[in-house]
Amino acid sequence: QVQLVESGGGLVQSGGSLRVSCAVSGISFTYYAMGWYRQAPGKQRELVATITRAGSINYADSVKGRFTISRDDAKSTVYLQMNNLKPDDTAVYYCNGQHPARYEFWGQGIQVTVSS
C-alpha cells in the first residue's frame, strides 16, 4: 500500500537542469522527513538532501548551491531541483521517507545521466 514513485529523470548535458519528483501514498506524508539519495556505478549510496516536516534542510557538500529540495504537503510530493548538473551527478536517485520512530520507506529509484 505504501508507494514512493519517482519521476522526472533522464539524460541531460553538463550544465543543464532537471527536476525529479517523488509522489507518496499510503502514509501520512506530513509526519515524515523526506530525502533524496543517489548511487553511482561502483559507489556506495549517499545522501543528497533531506527536508524535515518542519522544513529544515540539509545538503551534501557536493550539491550545495546547485540542488534544491522542497516538499508540497498538499500534494504529498517531494522535489529535487538539480541545476548546473555535472557528469559526477550521474546516478540512480532514490526517494526516502523517514518516520519519527525511524522506520523508513524507499522508492524504486530513477536514473539521472549527465553527459560531458
PDB file of N, CA and C in Angstrom:
ATOM      1  N   GLN A   1       0.817  -1.211   0.000  1.00  0.00           N
ATOM      2  CA  GLN A   1       0.000   0.000   0.000  1.00  0.00           C
ATOM      3  C   GLN A   1       0.853   1.265   0.000  1.00  0.00           C
ATOM      4  N   VAL A   2       2.013   1.215   0.663  1.00  0.00           N
ATOM      5  CA  VAL A   2       2.919   2.358   0.681  1.00  0.00           C
ATOM      6  C   VAL A   2       3.649   2.433  -0.651  1.00  0.00           C
ATOM      7  N   GLN A   3       3.634   3.602  -1.252  1.00  0.00           N
ATOM      8  CA  GLN A   3       4.311   3.814  -2.523  1.00  0.00           C
ATOM      9  C   GLN A   3       5.048   5.136  -2.519  1.00  0.00           C
ATOM     10  N   LEU A   4       6.283   5.102  -2.973  1.00  0.00           N
ATOM     11  CA  LEU A   4       7.065   6.291  -3.263  1.00  0.00           C
ATOM     12  C   LEU A   4       7.500   6.148  -4.718  1.00  0.00           C
ATOM     13  N   VAL A   5       6.989   6.994  -5.581  1.00  0.00           N
ATOM     14  CA  VAL A   5       7.174   6.846  -7.017  1.00  0.00           C
ATOM     15  C   VAL A   5       7.919   8.059  -7.553  1.00  0.00           C
ATOM     16  N   GLU A   6       9.147   7.821  -8.019  1.00  0.00           N
ATOM     17  CA  GLU A   6       9.960   8.886  -8.586  1.00  0.00           C
ATOM     18  C   GLU A   6       9.634   9.090 -10.060  1.00  0.00           C
ATOM     19  N   SER A   7       9.807  10.320 -10.512  1.00  0.00           N
ATOM     20  CA  SER A   7       9.639  10.636 -11.919  1.00  0.00           C
ATOM     21  C   SER A   7      10.506  11.841 -12.252  1.00  0.00           C
ATOM     22  N   GLY A   8      10.711  12.077 -13.544  1.00  0.00           N
ATOM     23  CA  GLY A   8      11.400  13.271 -13.990  1.00  0.00           C
ATOM     24  C   GLY A   8      12.872  13.117 -14.303  1.00  0.00           C
ATOM     25  N   GLY A   9      13.403  11.925 -14.185  1.00  0.00           N
ATOM     26  CA  GLY A   9      14.795  11.711 -14.522  1.00  0.00           C
ATOM     27  C   GLY A   9      15.009  11.667 -16.021  1.00  0.00           C
ATOM     28  N   GLY A  10      16.247  11.393 -16.406  1.00  0.00           N
ATOM     29  CA  GLY A  10      16.559  11.300 -17.814  1.00  0.00           C
ATOM     30  C   GLY A  10      17.985  11.695 -18.101  1.00  0.00           C
ATOM     31  N   LEU A  11      18.221  12.080 -19.341  1.00  0.00           N
ATOM     32  CA  LEU A  11      19.536  12.445 -19.850  1.00  0.00           C
ATOM     33  C   LEU A  11      19.599  13.942 -20.072  1.00  0.00           C
ATOM     34  N   VAL A  12      20.665  14.555 -19.583  1.00  0.00           N
ATOM     35  CA  VAL A  12      20.861  15.988 -19.746  1.00  0.00           C
ATOM     36  C   VAL A  12      22.339  16.264 -19.973  1.00  0.00           C
ATOM     37  N   GLN A  13      22.635  17.329 -20.694  1.00  0.00           N
ATOM     38  CA  GLN A  13      24.019  17.720 -20.919  1.00  0.00           C
ATOM     39  C   GLN A  13      24.594  18.419 -19.694  1.00  0.00           C
ATOM     40  N   SER A  14      25.899  18.347 -19.560  1.00  0.00           N
ATOM     41  CA  SER A  14      26.575  19.043 -18.479  1.00  0.00           C
ATOM     42  C   SER A  14      26.185  20.519 -18.474  1.00  0.00           C
ATOM     43  N   GLY A  15      25.867  21.018 -17.284  1.00  0.00           N
ATOM     44  CA  GLY A  15      25.412  22.389 -17.140  1.00  0.00           C
ATOM     45  C   GLY A  15      23.915  22.559 -17.201  1.00  0.00           C
ATOM     46  N   GLY A  16      23.200  21.523 -17.566  1.00  0.00           N
ATOM     47  CA  GLY A  16      21.763  21.588 -17.666  1.00  0.00           C
ATOM     48  C   GLY A  16      21.066  21.345 -16.347  1.00  0.00           C
ATOM     49  N   SER A  17      19.740  21.257 -16.415  1.00  0.00           N
ATOM     50  CA  SER A  17      18.910  21.127 -15.227  1.00  0.00           C
ATOM     51  C   SER A  17      17.871  20.031 -15.398  1.00  0.00           C
ATOM     52  N   LEU A  18      17.503  19.438 -14.291  1.00  0.00           N
ATOM     53  CA  LEU A  18      16.395  18.500 -14.209  1.00  0.00           C
ATOM     54  C   LEU A  18      15.695  18.692 -12.880  1.00  0.00           C
ATOM     55  N   ARG A  19      14.411  18.347 -12.833  1.00  0.00           N
ATOM     56  CA  ARG A  19      13.695  18.266 -11.577  1.00  0.00           C
ATOM     57  C   ARG A  19      13.083  16.883 -11.449  1.00  0.00           C
ATOM     58  N   VAL A  20      13.462  16.183 -10.388  1.00  0.00           N
ATOM     59  CA  VAL A  20      12.874  14.890 -10.104  1.00  0.00           C
ATOM     60  C   VAL A  20      11.822  15.052  -9.012  1.00  0.00           C
ATOM     61  N   SER A  21      10.786  14.240  -9.102  1.00  0.00           N
ATOM     62  CA  SER A  21       9.672  14.289  -8.173  1.00  0.00           C
ATOM     63  C   SER A  21       9.471  12.925  -7.532  1.00  0.00           C
ATOM     64  N   CYS A  22       8.924  12.928  -6.334  1.00  0.00           N
ATOM     65  CA  CYS A  22       8.579  11.702  -5.630  1.00  0.00           C
ATOM     66  C   CYS A  22       7.179  11.857  -5.071  1.00  0.00           C
ATOM     67  N   ALA A  23       6.242  11.124  -5.634  1.00  0.00           N
ATOM     68  CA  ALA A  23       4.858  11.141  -5.185  1.00  0.00           C
ATOM     69  C   ALA A  23       4.646  10.026  -4.172  1.00  0.00           C
ATOM     70  N   VAL A  24       4.117  10.379  -3.015  1.00  0.00           N
ATOM     71  CA  VAL A  24       3.992   9.459  -1.888  1.00  0.00           C
ATOM     72  C   VAL A  24       2.534   9.153  -1.624  1.00  0.00           C
ATOM     73  N   SER A  25       2.232   7.890  -1.379  1.00  0.00           N
ATOM     74  CA  SER A  25       0.889   7.478  -0.999  1.00  0.00           C
ATOM     75  C   SER A  25       0.971   6.349   0.012  1.00  0.00           C
ATOM     76  N   GLY A  26      -0.106   6.151   0.758  1.00  0.00           N
ATOM     77  CA  GLY A  26      -0.174   5.060   1.717  1.00  0.00           C
ATOM     78  C   GLY A  26       0.366   5.377   3.097  1.00  0.00           C
ATOM     79  N   ILE A  27       0.896   6.563   3.306  1.00  0.00           N
ATOM     80  CA  ILE A  27       1.381   7.004   4.606  1.00  0.00           C
ATOM     81  C   ILE A  27       0.923   8.435   4.847  1.00  0.00           C
ATOM     82  N   SER A  28       1.025   8.864   6.088  1.00  0.00           N
ATOM     83  CA  SER A  28       0.710  10.245   6.430  1.00  0.00           C
ATOM     84  C   SER A  28       1.932  11.092   6.131  1.00  0.00           C
ATOM     85  N   PHE A  29       1.954  11.658   4.944  1.00  0.00           N
ATOM     86  CA  PHE A  29       3.141  12.309   4.411  1.00  0.00           C
ATOM     87  C   PHE A  29       3.702  13.375   5.348  1.00  0.00           C
ATOM     88  N   THR A  30       2.831  14.148   5.980  1.00  0.00           N
ATOM     89  CA  THR A  30       3.294  15.268   6.787  1.00  0.00           C
ATOM     90  C   THR A  30       4.037  14.841   8.044  1.00  0.00           C
ATOM     91  N   TYR A  31       3.956  13.578   8.442  1.00  0.00           N
ATOM     92  CA  TYR A  31       4.693  13.081   9.599  1.00  0.00           C
ATOM     93  C   TYR A  31       6.122  12.676   9.251  1.00  0.00           C
ATOM     94  N   TYR A  32       6.464  12.651   7.988  1.00  0.00           N
ATOM     95  CA  TYR A  32       7.725  12.072   7.538  1.00  0.00           C
ATOM     96  C   TYR A  32       8.737  13.130   7.130  1.00  0.00           C
ATOM     97  N   ALA A  33       9.967  12.937   7.578  1.00  0.00           N
ATOM     98  CA  ALA A  33      11.087  13.609   6.941  1.00  0.00           C
ATOM     99  C   ALA A  33      11.351  12.932   5.599  1.00  0.00           C
ATOM    100  N   MET A  34      11.665  13.720   4.597  1.00  0.00           N
ATOM    101  CA  MET A  34      11.889  13.192   3.261  1.00  0.00           C
ATOM    102  C   MET A  34      13.318  13.464   2.824  1.00  0.00           C
ATOM    103  N   GLY A  35      13.804  12.618   1.948  1.00  0.00           N
ATOM    104  CA  GLY A  35      15.162  12.799   1.466  1.00  0.00           C
ATOM    105  C   GLY A  35      15.362  12.221   0.089  1.00  0.00           C
ATOM    106  N   TRP A  36      16.435  12.669  -0.532  1.00  0.00           N
ATOM    107  CA  TRP A  36      16.920  12.109  -1.782  1.00  0.00           C
ATOM    108  C   TRP A  36      18.312  11.537  -1.555  1.00  0.00           C
ATOM    109  N   TYR A  37      18.520  10.336  -2.042  1.00  0.00           N
ATOM    110  CA  TYR A  37      19.803   9.663  -2.021  1.00  0.00           C
ATOM    111  C   TYR A  37      20.159   9.273  -3.448  1.00  0.00           C
ATOM    112  N   ARG A  38      21.428   8.979  -3.671  1.00  0.00           N
ATOM    113  CA  ARG A  38      21.823   8.551  -5.005  1.00  0.00           C
ATOM    114  C   ARG A  38      22.932   7.511  -4.917  1.00  0.00           C
ATOM    115  N   GLN A  39      23.015   6.699  -5.950  1.00  0.00           N
ATOM    116  CA  GLN A  39      24.048   5.681  -6.035  1.00  0.00           C
ATOM    117  C   GLN A  39      24.586   5.645  -7.458  1.00  0.00           C
ATOM    118  N   ALA A  40      25.865   5.950  -7.590  1.00  0.00           N
ATOM    119  CA  ALA A  40      26.545   5.906  -8.864  1.00  0.00           C
ATOM    120  C   ALA A  40      27.192   4.538  -9.043  1.00  0.00           C
ATOM    121  N   PRO A  41      27.462   4.135 -10.290  1.00  0.00           N
ATOM    122  CA  PRO A  41      28.112   2.842 -10.514  1.00  0.00           C
ATOM    123  C   PRO A  41      29.421   2.728  -9.749  1.00  0.00           C
ATOM    124  N   GLY A  42      29.574   1.630  -9.026  1.00  0.00           N
ATOM    125  CA  GLY A  42      30.791   1.381  -8.281  1.00  0.00           C
ATOM    126  C   GLY A  42      30.941   2.163  -6.998  1.00  0.00           C
ATOM    127  N   LYS A  43      29.921   2.894  -6.599  1.00  0.00           N
ATOM    128  CA  LYS A  43      29.999   3.704  -5.392  1.00  0.00           C
ATOM    129  C   LYS A  43      28.862   3.349  -4.440  1.00  0.00           C
ATOM    130  N   GLN A  44      29.034   3.710  -3.171  1.00  0.00           N
ATOM    131  CA  GLN A  44      28.002   3.486  -2.176  1.00  0.00           C
ATOM    132  C   GLN A  44      26.889   4.517  -2.315  1.00  0.00           C
ATOM    133  N   ARG A  45      25.712   4.139  -1.841  1.00  0.00           N
ATOM    134  CA  ARG A  45      24.613   5.087  -1.819  1.00  0.00           C
ATOM    135  C   ARG A  45      24.938   6.230  -0.856  1.00  0.00           C
ATOM    136  N   GLU A  46      24.651   7.453  -1.280  1.00  0.00           N
ATOM    137  CA  GLU A  46      24.968   8.611  -0.474  1.00  0.00           C
ATOM    138  C   GLU A  46      23.762   9.532  -0.353  1.00  0.00           C
ATOM    139  N   LEU A  47      23.726  10.243   0.750  1.00  0.00           N
ATOM    140  CA  LEU A  47      22.690  11.238   0.968  1.00  0.00           C
ATOM    141  C   LEU A  47      22.933  12.438   0.067  1.00  0.00           C
ATOM    142  N   VAL A  48      21.872  12.920  -0.549  1.00  0.00           N
ATOM    143  CA  VAL A  48      21.930  14.125  -1.368  1.00  0.00           C
ATOM    144  C   VAL A  48      21.335  15.310  -0.627  1.00  0.00           C
ATOM    145  N   ALA A  49      20.118  15.153  -0.126  1.00  0.00           N
ATOM    146  CA  ALA A  49      19.429  16.231   0.559  1.00  0.00           C
ATOM    147  C   ALA A  49      18.308  15.654   1.396  1.00  0.00           C
ATOM    148  N   THR A  50      17.997  16.327   2.502  1.00  0.00           N
ATOM    149  CA  THR A  50      16.870  15.949   3.346  1.00  0.00           C
ATOM    150  C   THR A  50      16.066  17.185   3.706  1.00  0.00           C
ATOM    151  N   ILE A  51      14.793  16.971   3.988  1.00  0.00           N
ATOM    152  CA  ILE A  51      13.920  18.040   4.459  1.00  0.00           C
ATOM    153  C   ILE A  51      12.984  17.453   5.501  1.00  0.00           C
ATOM    154  N   THR A  52      12.927  18.076   6.673  1.00  0.00           N
ATOM    155  CA  THR A  52      12.064  17.592   7.738  1.00  0.00           C
ATOM    156  C   THR A  52      10.644  18.079   7.536  1.00  0.00           C
ATOM    157  N   ARG A  53       9.746  17.580   8.377  1.00  0.00           N
ATOM    158  CA  ARG A  53       8.357  18.010   8.309  1.00  0.00           C
ATOM    159  C   ARG A  53       8.215  19.491   8.630  1.00  0.00           C
ATOM    160  N   ALA A  54       9.165  20.054   9.377  1.00  0.00           N
ATOM    161  CA  ALA A  54       9.156  21.466   9.709  1.00  0.00           C
ATOM    162  C   ALA A  54       9.883  22.323   8.685  1.00  0.00           C
ATOM    163  N   GLY A  55      10.522  21.700   7.694  1.00  0.00           N
ATOM    164  CA  GLY A  55      11.185  22.451   6.645  1.00  0.00           C
ATOM    165  C   GLY A  55      12.672  22.649   6.813  1.00  0.00           C
ATOM    166  N   SER A  56      13.285  22.028   7.817  1.00  0.00           N
ATOM    167  CA  SER A  56      14.733  22.110   7.959  1.00  0.00           C
ATOM    168  C   SER A  56      15.407  21.269   6.885  1.00  0.00           C
ATOM    169  N   ILE A  57      16.450  21.807   6.275  1.00  0.00           N
ATOM    170  CA  ILE A  57      17.067  21.207   5.100  1.00  0.00           C
ATOM    171  C   ILE A  57      18.554  20.985   5.320  1.00  0.00           C
ATOM    172  N   ASN A  58      19.043  19.861   4.836  1.00  0.00           N
ATOM    173  CA  ASN A  58      20.472  19.565   4.774  1.00  0.00           C
ATOM    174  C   ASN A  58      20.822  19.112   3.367  1.00  0.00           C
ATOM    175  N   TYR A  59      22.008  19.505   2.902  1.00  0.00           N
ATOM    176  CA  TYR A  59      22.526  19.088   1.606  1.00  0.00           C
ATOM    177  C   TYR A  59      23.907  18.475   1.763  1.00  0.00           C
ATOM    178  N   ALA A  60      24.201  17.524   0.893  1.00  0.00           N
ATOM    179  CA  ALA A  60      25.574  17.072   0.763  1.00  0.00           C
ATOM    180  C   ALA A  60      26.429  18.217   0.226  1.00  0.00           C
ATOM    181  N   ASP A  61      27.679  18.269   0.664  1.00  0.00           N
ATOM    182  CA  ASP A  61      28.563  19.340   0.212  1.00  0.00           C
ATOM    183  C   ASP A  61      28.698  19.365  -1.312  1.00  0.00           C
ATOM    184  N   SER A  62      28.639  18.207  -1.938  1.00  0.00           N
ATOM    185  CA  SER A  62      28.854  18.122  -3.371  1.00  0.00           C
ATOM    186  C   SER A  62      27.741  18.762  -4.194  1.00  0.00           C
ATOM    187  N   VAL A  63      26.570  18.965  -3.596  1.00  0.00           N
ATOM    188  CA  VAL A  63      25.448  19.532  -4.334  1.00  0.00           C
ATOM    189  C   VAL A  63      25.012  20.880  -3.800  1.00  0.00           C
ATOM    190  N   LYS A  64      25.593  21.319  -2.712  1.00  0.00           N
ATOM    191  CA  LYS A  64      25.203  22.579  -2.087  1.00  0.00           C
ATOM    192  C   LYS A  64      25.374  23.734  -3.067  1.00  0.00           C
ATOM    193  N   GLY A  65      24.349  24.548  -3.173  1.00  0.00           N
ATOM    194  CA  GLY A  65      24.371  25.665  -4.098  1.00  0.00           C
ATOM    195  C   GLY A  65      23.867  25.340  -5.482  1.00  0.00           C
ATOM    196  N   ARG A  66      23.702  24.066  -5.805  1.00  0.00           N
ATOM    197  CA  ARG A  66      23.219  23.650  -7.115  1.00  0.00           C
ATOM    198  C   ARG A  66      21.852  22.971  -7.062  1.00  0.00           C
ATOM    199  N   PHE A  67      21.593  22.224  -5.992  1.00  0.00           N
ATOM    200  CA  PHE A  67      20.353  21.462  -5.854  1.00  0.00           C
ATOM    201  C   PHE A  67      19.467  22.115  -4.806  1.00  0.00           C
ATOM    202  N   THR A  68      18.156  21.972  -4.982  1.00  0.00           N
ATOM    203  CA  THR A  68      17.186  22.474  -4.025  1.00  0.00           C
ATOM    204  C   THR A  68      16.130  21.408  -3.767  1.00  0.00           C
ATOM    205  N   ILE A  69      15.962  21.037  -2.505  1.00  0.00           N
ATOM    206  CA  ILE A  69      14.913  20.113  -2.121  1.00  0.00           C
ATOM    207  C   ILE A  69      13.720  20.914  -1.602  1.00  0.00           C
ATOM    208  N   SER A  70      12.522  20.438  -1.907  1.00  0.00           N
ATOM    209  CA  SER A  70      11.312  21.086  -1.431  1.00  0.00           C
ATOM    210  C   SER A  70      10.223  20.040  -1.271  1.00  0.00           C
ATOM    211  N   ARG A  71       9.183  20.395  -0.540  1.00  0.00           N
ATOM    212  CA  ARG A  71       8.059  19.481  -0.373  1.00  0.00           C
ATOM    213  C   ARG A  71       6.754  20.241  -0.479  1.00  0.00           C
ATOM    214  N   ASP A  72       5.763  19.565  -1.015  1.00  0.00           N
ATOM    215  CA  ASP A  72       4.422  20.095  -1.148  1.00  0.00           C
ATOM    216  C   ASP A  72       3.510  19.150  -0.390  1.00  0.00           C
ATOM    217  N   ASP A  73       3.163  19.515   0.842  1.00  0.00           N
ATOM    218  CA  ASP A  73       2.373  18.620   1.679  1.00  0.00           C
ATOM    219  C   ASP A  73       0.970  18.403   1.121  1.00  0.00           C
ATOM    220  N   ALA A  74       0.415  19.391   0.445  1.00  0.00           N
ATOM    221  CA  ALA A  74      -0.909  19.235  -0.136  1.00  0.00           C
ATOM    222  C   ALA A  74      -0.930  18.177  -1.225  1.00  0.00           C
ATOM    223  N   LYS A  75       0.201  17.994  -1.910  1.00  0.00           N
ATOM    224  CA  LYS A  75       0.303  17.004  -2.977  1.00  0.00           C
ATOM    225  C   LYS A  75       1.055  15.752  -2.557  1.00  0.00           C
ATOM    226  N   SER A  76       1.495  15.681  -1.297  1.00  0.00           N
ATOM    227  CA  SER A  76       2.283  14.553  -0.794  1.00  0.00           C
ATOM    228  C   SER A  76       3.434  14.238  -1.733  1.00  0.00           C
ATOM    229  N   THR A  77       4.175  15.276  -2.106  1.00  0.00           N
ATOM    230  CA  THR A  77       5.242  15.144  -3.087  1.00  0.00           C
ATOM    231  C   THR A  77       6.481  15.896  -2.618  1.00  0.00           C
ATOM    232  N   VAL A  78       7.631  15.292  -2.830  1.00  0.00           N
ATOM    233  CA  VAL A  78       8.907  15.937  -2.568  1.00  0.00           C
ATOM    234  C   VAL A  78       9.645  16.077  -3.892  1.00  0.00           C
ATOM    235  N   TYR A  79      10.351  17.190  -4.054  1.00  0.00           N
ATOM    236  CA  TYR A  79      11.032  17.508  -5.298  1.00  0.00           C
ATOM    237  C   TYR A  79      12.523  17.705  -5.058  1.00  0.00           C
ATOM    238  N   LEU A  80      13.291  17.493  -6.102  1.00  0.00           N
ATOM    239  CA  LEU A  80      14.696  17.856  -6.103  1.00  0.00           C
ATOM    240  C   LEU A  80      14.992  18.578  -7.409  1.00  0.00           C
ATOM    241  N   GLN A  81      15.196  19.877  -7.317  1.00  0.00           N
ATOM    242  CA  GLN A  81      15.596  20.674  -8.464  1.00  0.00           C
ATOM    243  C   GLN A  81      17.116  20.626  -8.578  1.00  0.00           C
ATOM    244  N   MET A  82      17.607  20.185  -9.714  1.00  0.00           N
ATOM    245  CA  MET A  82      19.037  19.995  -9.927  1.00  0.00           C
ATOM    246  C   MET A  82      19.489  20.929 -11.039  1.00  0.00           C
ATOM    247  N   ASN A  83      20.324  21.892 -10.691  1.00  0.00           N
ATOM    248  CA  ASN A  83      20.849  22.859 -11.641  1.00  0.00           C
ATOM    249  C   ASN A  83      22.351  22.680 -11.805  1.00  0.00           C
ATOM    250  N   ASN A  84      22.865  23.193 -12.914  1.00  0.00           N
ATOM    251  CA  ASN A  84      24.299  23.103 -13.205  1.00  0.00           C
ATOM    252  C   ASN A  84      24.815  21.684 -13.004  1.00  0.00           C
ATOM    253  N   LEU A  85      24.144  20.747 -13.621  1.00  0.00           N
ATOM    254  CA  LEU A  85      24.488  19.343 -13.445  1.00  0.00           C
ATOM    255  C   LEU A  85      25.858  19.024 -14.014  1.00  0.00           C
ATOM    256  N   LYS A  86      26.530  18.097 -13.355  1.00  0.00           N
ATOM    257  CA  LYS A  86      27.865  17.656 -13.729  1.00  0.00           C
ATOM    258  C   LYS A  86      27.847  16.159 -14.004  1.00  0.00           C
ATOM    259  N   PRO A  87      28.797  15.669 -14.794  1.00  0.00           N
ATOM    260  CA  PRO A  87      28.856  14.215 -15.005  1.00  0.00           C
ATOM    261  C   PRO A  87      28.928  13.417 -13.709  1.00  0.00           C
ATOM    262  N   ASP A  88      29.554  13.958 -12.677  1.00  0.00           N
ATOM    263  CA  ASP A  88      29.634  13.261 -11.391  1.00  0.00           C
ATOM    264  C   ASP A  88      28.283  13.110 -10.712  1.00  0.00           C
ATOM    265  N   ASP A  89      27.270  13.836 -11.170  1.00  0.00           N
ATOM    266  CA  ASP A  89      25.925  13.686 -10.633  1.00  0.00           C
ATOM    267  C   ASP A  89      25.199  12.475 -11.209  1.00  0.00           C
ATOM    268  N   THR A  90      25.763  11.837 -12.207  1.00  0.00           N
ATOM    269  CA  THR A  90      25.137  10.670 -12.815  1.00  0.00           C
ATOM    270  C   THR A  90      24.971   9.565 -11.780  1.00  0.00           C
ATOM    271  N   ALA A  91      23.740   9.107 -11.596  1.00  0.00           N
ATOM    272  CA  ALA A  91      23.440   8.111 -10.576  1.00  0.00           C
ATOM    273  C   ALA A  91      21.976   7.720 -10.685  1.00  0.00           C
ATOM    274  N   VAL A  92      21.618   6.681  -9.958  1.00  0.00           N
ATOM    275  CA  VAL A  92      20.223   6.389  -9.692  1.00  0.00           C
ATOM    276  C   VAL A  92      19.834   7.157  -8.436  1.00  0.00           C
ATOM    277  N   TYR A  93      18.780   7.936  -8.531  1.00  0.00           N
ATOM    278  CA  TYR A  93      18.314   8.761  -7.429  1.00  0.00           C
ATOM    279  C   TYR A  93      17.118   8.100  -6.762  1.00  0.00           C
ATOM    280  N   TYR A  94      17.174   7.987  -5.432  1.00  0.00           N
ATOM    281  CA  TYR A  94      16.161   7.305  -4.650  1.00  0.00           C
ATOM    282  C   TYR A  94      15.471   8.268  -3.694  1.00  0.00           C
ATOM    283  N   CYS A  95      14.169   8.175  -3.629  1.00  0.00           N
ATOM    284  CA  CYS A  95      13.364   8.919  -2.682  1.00  0.00           C
ATOM    285  C   CYS A  95      13.245   8.129  -1.387  1.00  0.00           C
ATOM    286  N   ASN A  96      13.326   8.816  -0.255  1.00  0.00           N
ATOM    287  CA  ASN A  96      13.286   8.185   1.057  1.00  0.00           C
ATOM    288  C   ASN A  96      12.357   8.956   1.987  1.00  0.00           C
ATOM    289  N   GLY A  97      11.575   8.222   2.757  1.00  0.00           N
ATOM    290  CA  GLY A  97      10.752   8.815   3.789  1.00  0.00           C
ATOM    291  C   GLY A  97      11.046   8.179   5.129  1.00  0.00           C
ATOM    292  N   GLN A  98      11.230   8.996   6.155  1.00  0.00           N
ATOM    293  CA  GLN A  98      11.565   8.508   7.493  1.00  0.00           C
ATOM    294  C   GLN A  98      10.572   9.030   8.517  1.00  0.00           C
ATOM    295  N   HIS A  99       9.947   8.100   9.227  1.00  0.00           N
ATOM    296  CA  HIS A  99       9.041   8.421  10.313  1.00  0.00           C
ATOM    297  C   HIS A  99       9.849   8.846  11.536  1.00  0.00           C
ATOM    298  N   PRO A 100       9.264   9.650  12.443  1.00  0.00           N
ATOM    299  CA  PRO A 100       9.983   9.978  13.683  1.00  0.00           C
ATOM    300  C   PRO A 100      10.462   8.771  14.471  1.00  0.00           C
ATOM    301  N   ALA A 101       9.770   7.641  14.375  1.00  0.00           N
ATOM    302  CA  ALA A 101      10.198   6.408  15.018  1.00  0.00           C
ATOM    303  C   ALA A 101      11.325   5.711  14.270  1.00  0.00           C
ATOM    304  N   ARG A 102      11.796   6.290  13.182  1.00  0.00           N
ATOM    305  CA  ARG A 102      12.981   5.872  12.445  1.00  0.00           C
ATOM    306  C   ARG A 102      12.741   4.740  11.459  1.00  0.00           C
ATOM    307  N   TYR A 103      11.508   4.286  11.266  1.00  0.00           N
ATOM    308  CA  TYR A 103      11.309   3.340  10.176  1.00  0.00           C
ATOM    309  C   TYR A 103      11.197   4.098   8.856  1.00  0.00           C
ATOM    310  N   GLU A 104      11.605   3.453   7.781  1.00  0.00           N
ATOM    311  CA  GLU A 104      11.812   4.119   6.505  1.00  0.00           C
ATOM    312  C   GLU A 104      11.104   3.402   5.359  1.00  0.00           C
ATOM    313  N   PHE A 105      10.851   4.162   4.309  1.00  0.00           N
ATOM    314  CA  PHE A 105      10.364   3.637   3.041  1.00  0.00           C
ATOM    315  C   PHE A 105      11.211   4.210   1.923  1.00  0.00           C
ATOM    316  N   TRP A 106      11.363   3.437   0.860  1.00  0.00           N
ATOM    317  CA  TRP A 106      12.191   3.812  -0.284  1.00  0.00           C
ATOM    318  C   TRP A 106      11.431   3.700  -1.582  1.00  0.00           C
ATOM    319  N   GLY A 107      11.724   4.612  -2.491  1.00  0.00           N
ATOM    320  CA  GLY A 107      11.247   4.491  -3.847  1.00  0.00           C
ATOM    321  C   GLY A 107      12.091   3.520  -4.642  1.00  0.00           C
ATOM    322  N   GLN A 108      11.681   3.281  -5.874  1.00  0.00           N
ATOM    323  CA  GLN A 108      12.360   2.300  -6.717  1.00  0.00           C
ATOM    324  C   GLN A 108      13.626   2.851  -7.368  1.00  0.00           C
ATOM    325  N   GLY A 109      13.792   4.144  -7.366  1.00  0.00           N
ATOM    326  CA  GLY A 109      14.941   4.784  -7.973  1.00  0.00           C
ATOM    327  C   GLY A 109      14.656   5.242  -9.386  1.00  0.00           C
ATOM    328  N   ILE A 110      15.339   6.303  -9.797  1.00  0.00           N
ATOM    329  CA  ILE A 110      15.202   6.832 -11.145  1.00  0.00           C
ATOM    330  C   ILE A 110      16.570   7.278 -11.641  1.00  0.00           C
ATOM    331  N   GLN A 111      16.845   6.989 -12.902  1.00  0.00           N
ATOM    332  CA  GLN A 111      18.158   7.267 -13.477  1.00  0.00           C
ATOM    333  C   GLN A 111      18.282   8.728 -13.879  1.00  0.00           C
ATOM    334  N   VAL A 112      19.385   9.339 -13.485  1.00  0.00           N
ATOM    335  CA  VAL A 112      19.785  10.657 -13.958  1.00  0.00           C
ATOM    336  C   VAL A 112      21.160  10.510 -14.581  1.00  0.00           C
ATOM    337  N   THR A 113      21.280  10.871 -15.844  1.00  0.00           N
ATOM    338  CA  THR A 113      22.537  10.757 -16.562  1.00  0.00           C
ATOM    339  C   THR A 113      22.932  12.120 -17.108  1.00  0.00           C
ATOM    340  N   VAL A 114      24.151  12.540 -16.807  1.00  0.00           N
ATOM    341  CA  VAL A 114      24.671  13.832 -17.244  1.00  0.00           C
ATOM    342  C   VAL A 114      25.842  13.571 -18.180  1.00  0.00           C
ATOM    343  N   SER A 115      25.722  13.997 -19.407  1.00  0.00           N
ATOM    344  CA  SER A 115      26.758  13.785 -20.403  1.00  0.00           C
ATOM    345  C   SER A 115      27.740  14.943 -20.421  1.00  0.00           C
ATOM    346  N   SER A 116      28.990  14.644 -20.739  1.00  0.00           N
ATOM    347  CA  SER A 116      30.028  15.658 -20.790  1.00  0.00           C
ATOM    348  C   SER A 116      30.327  16.086 -22.215  1.00  0.00           C
TER     349      SER A 116
END
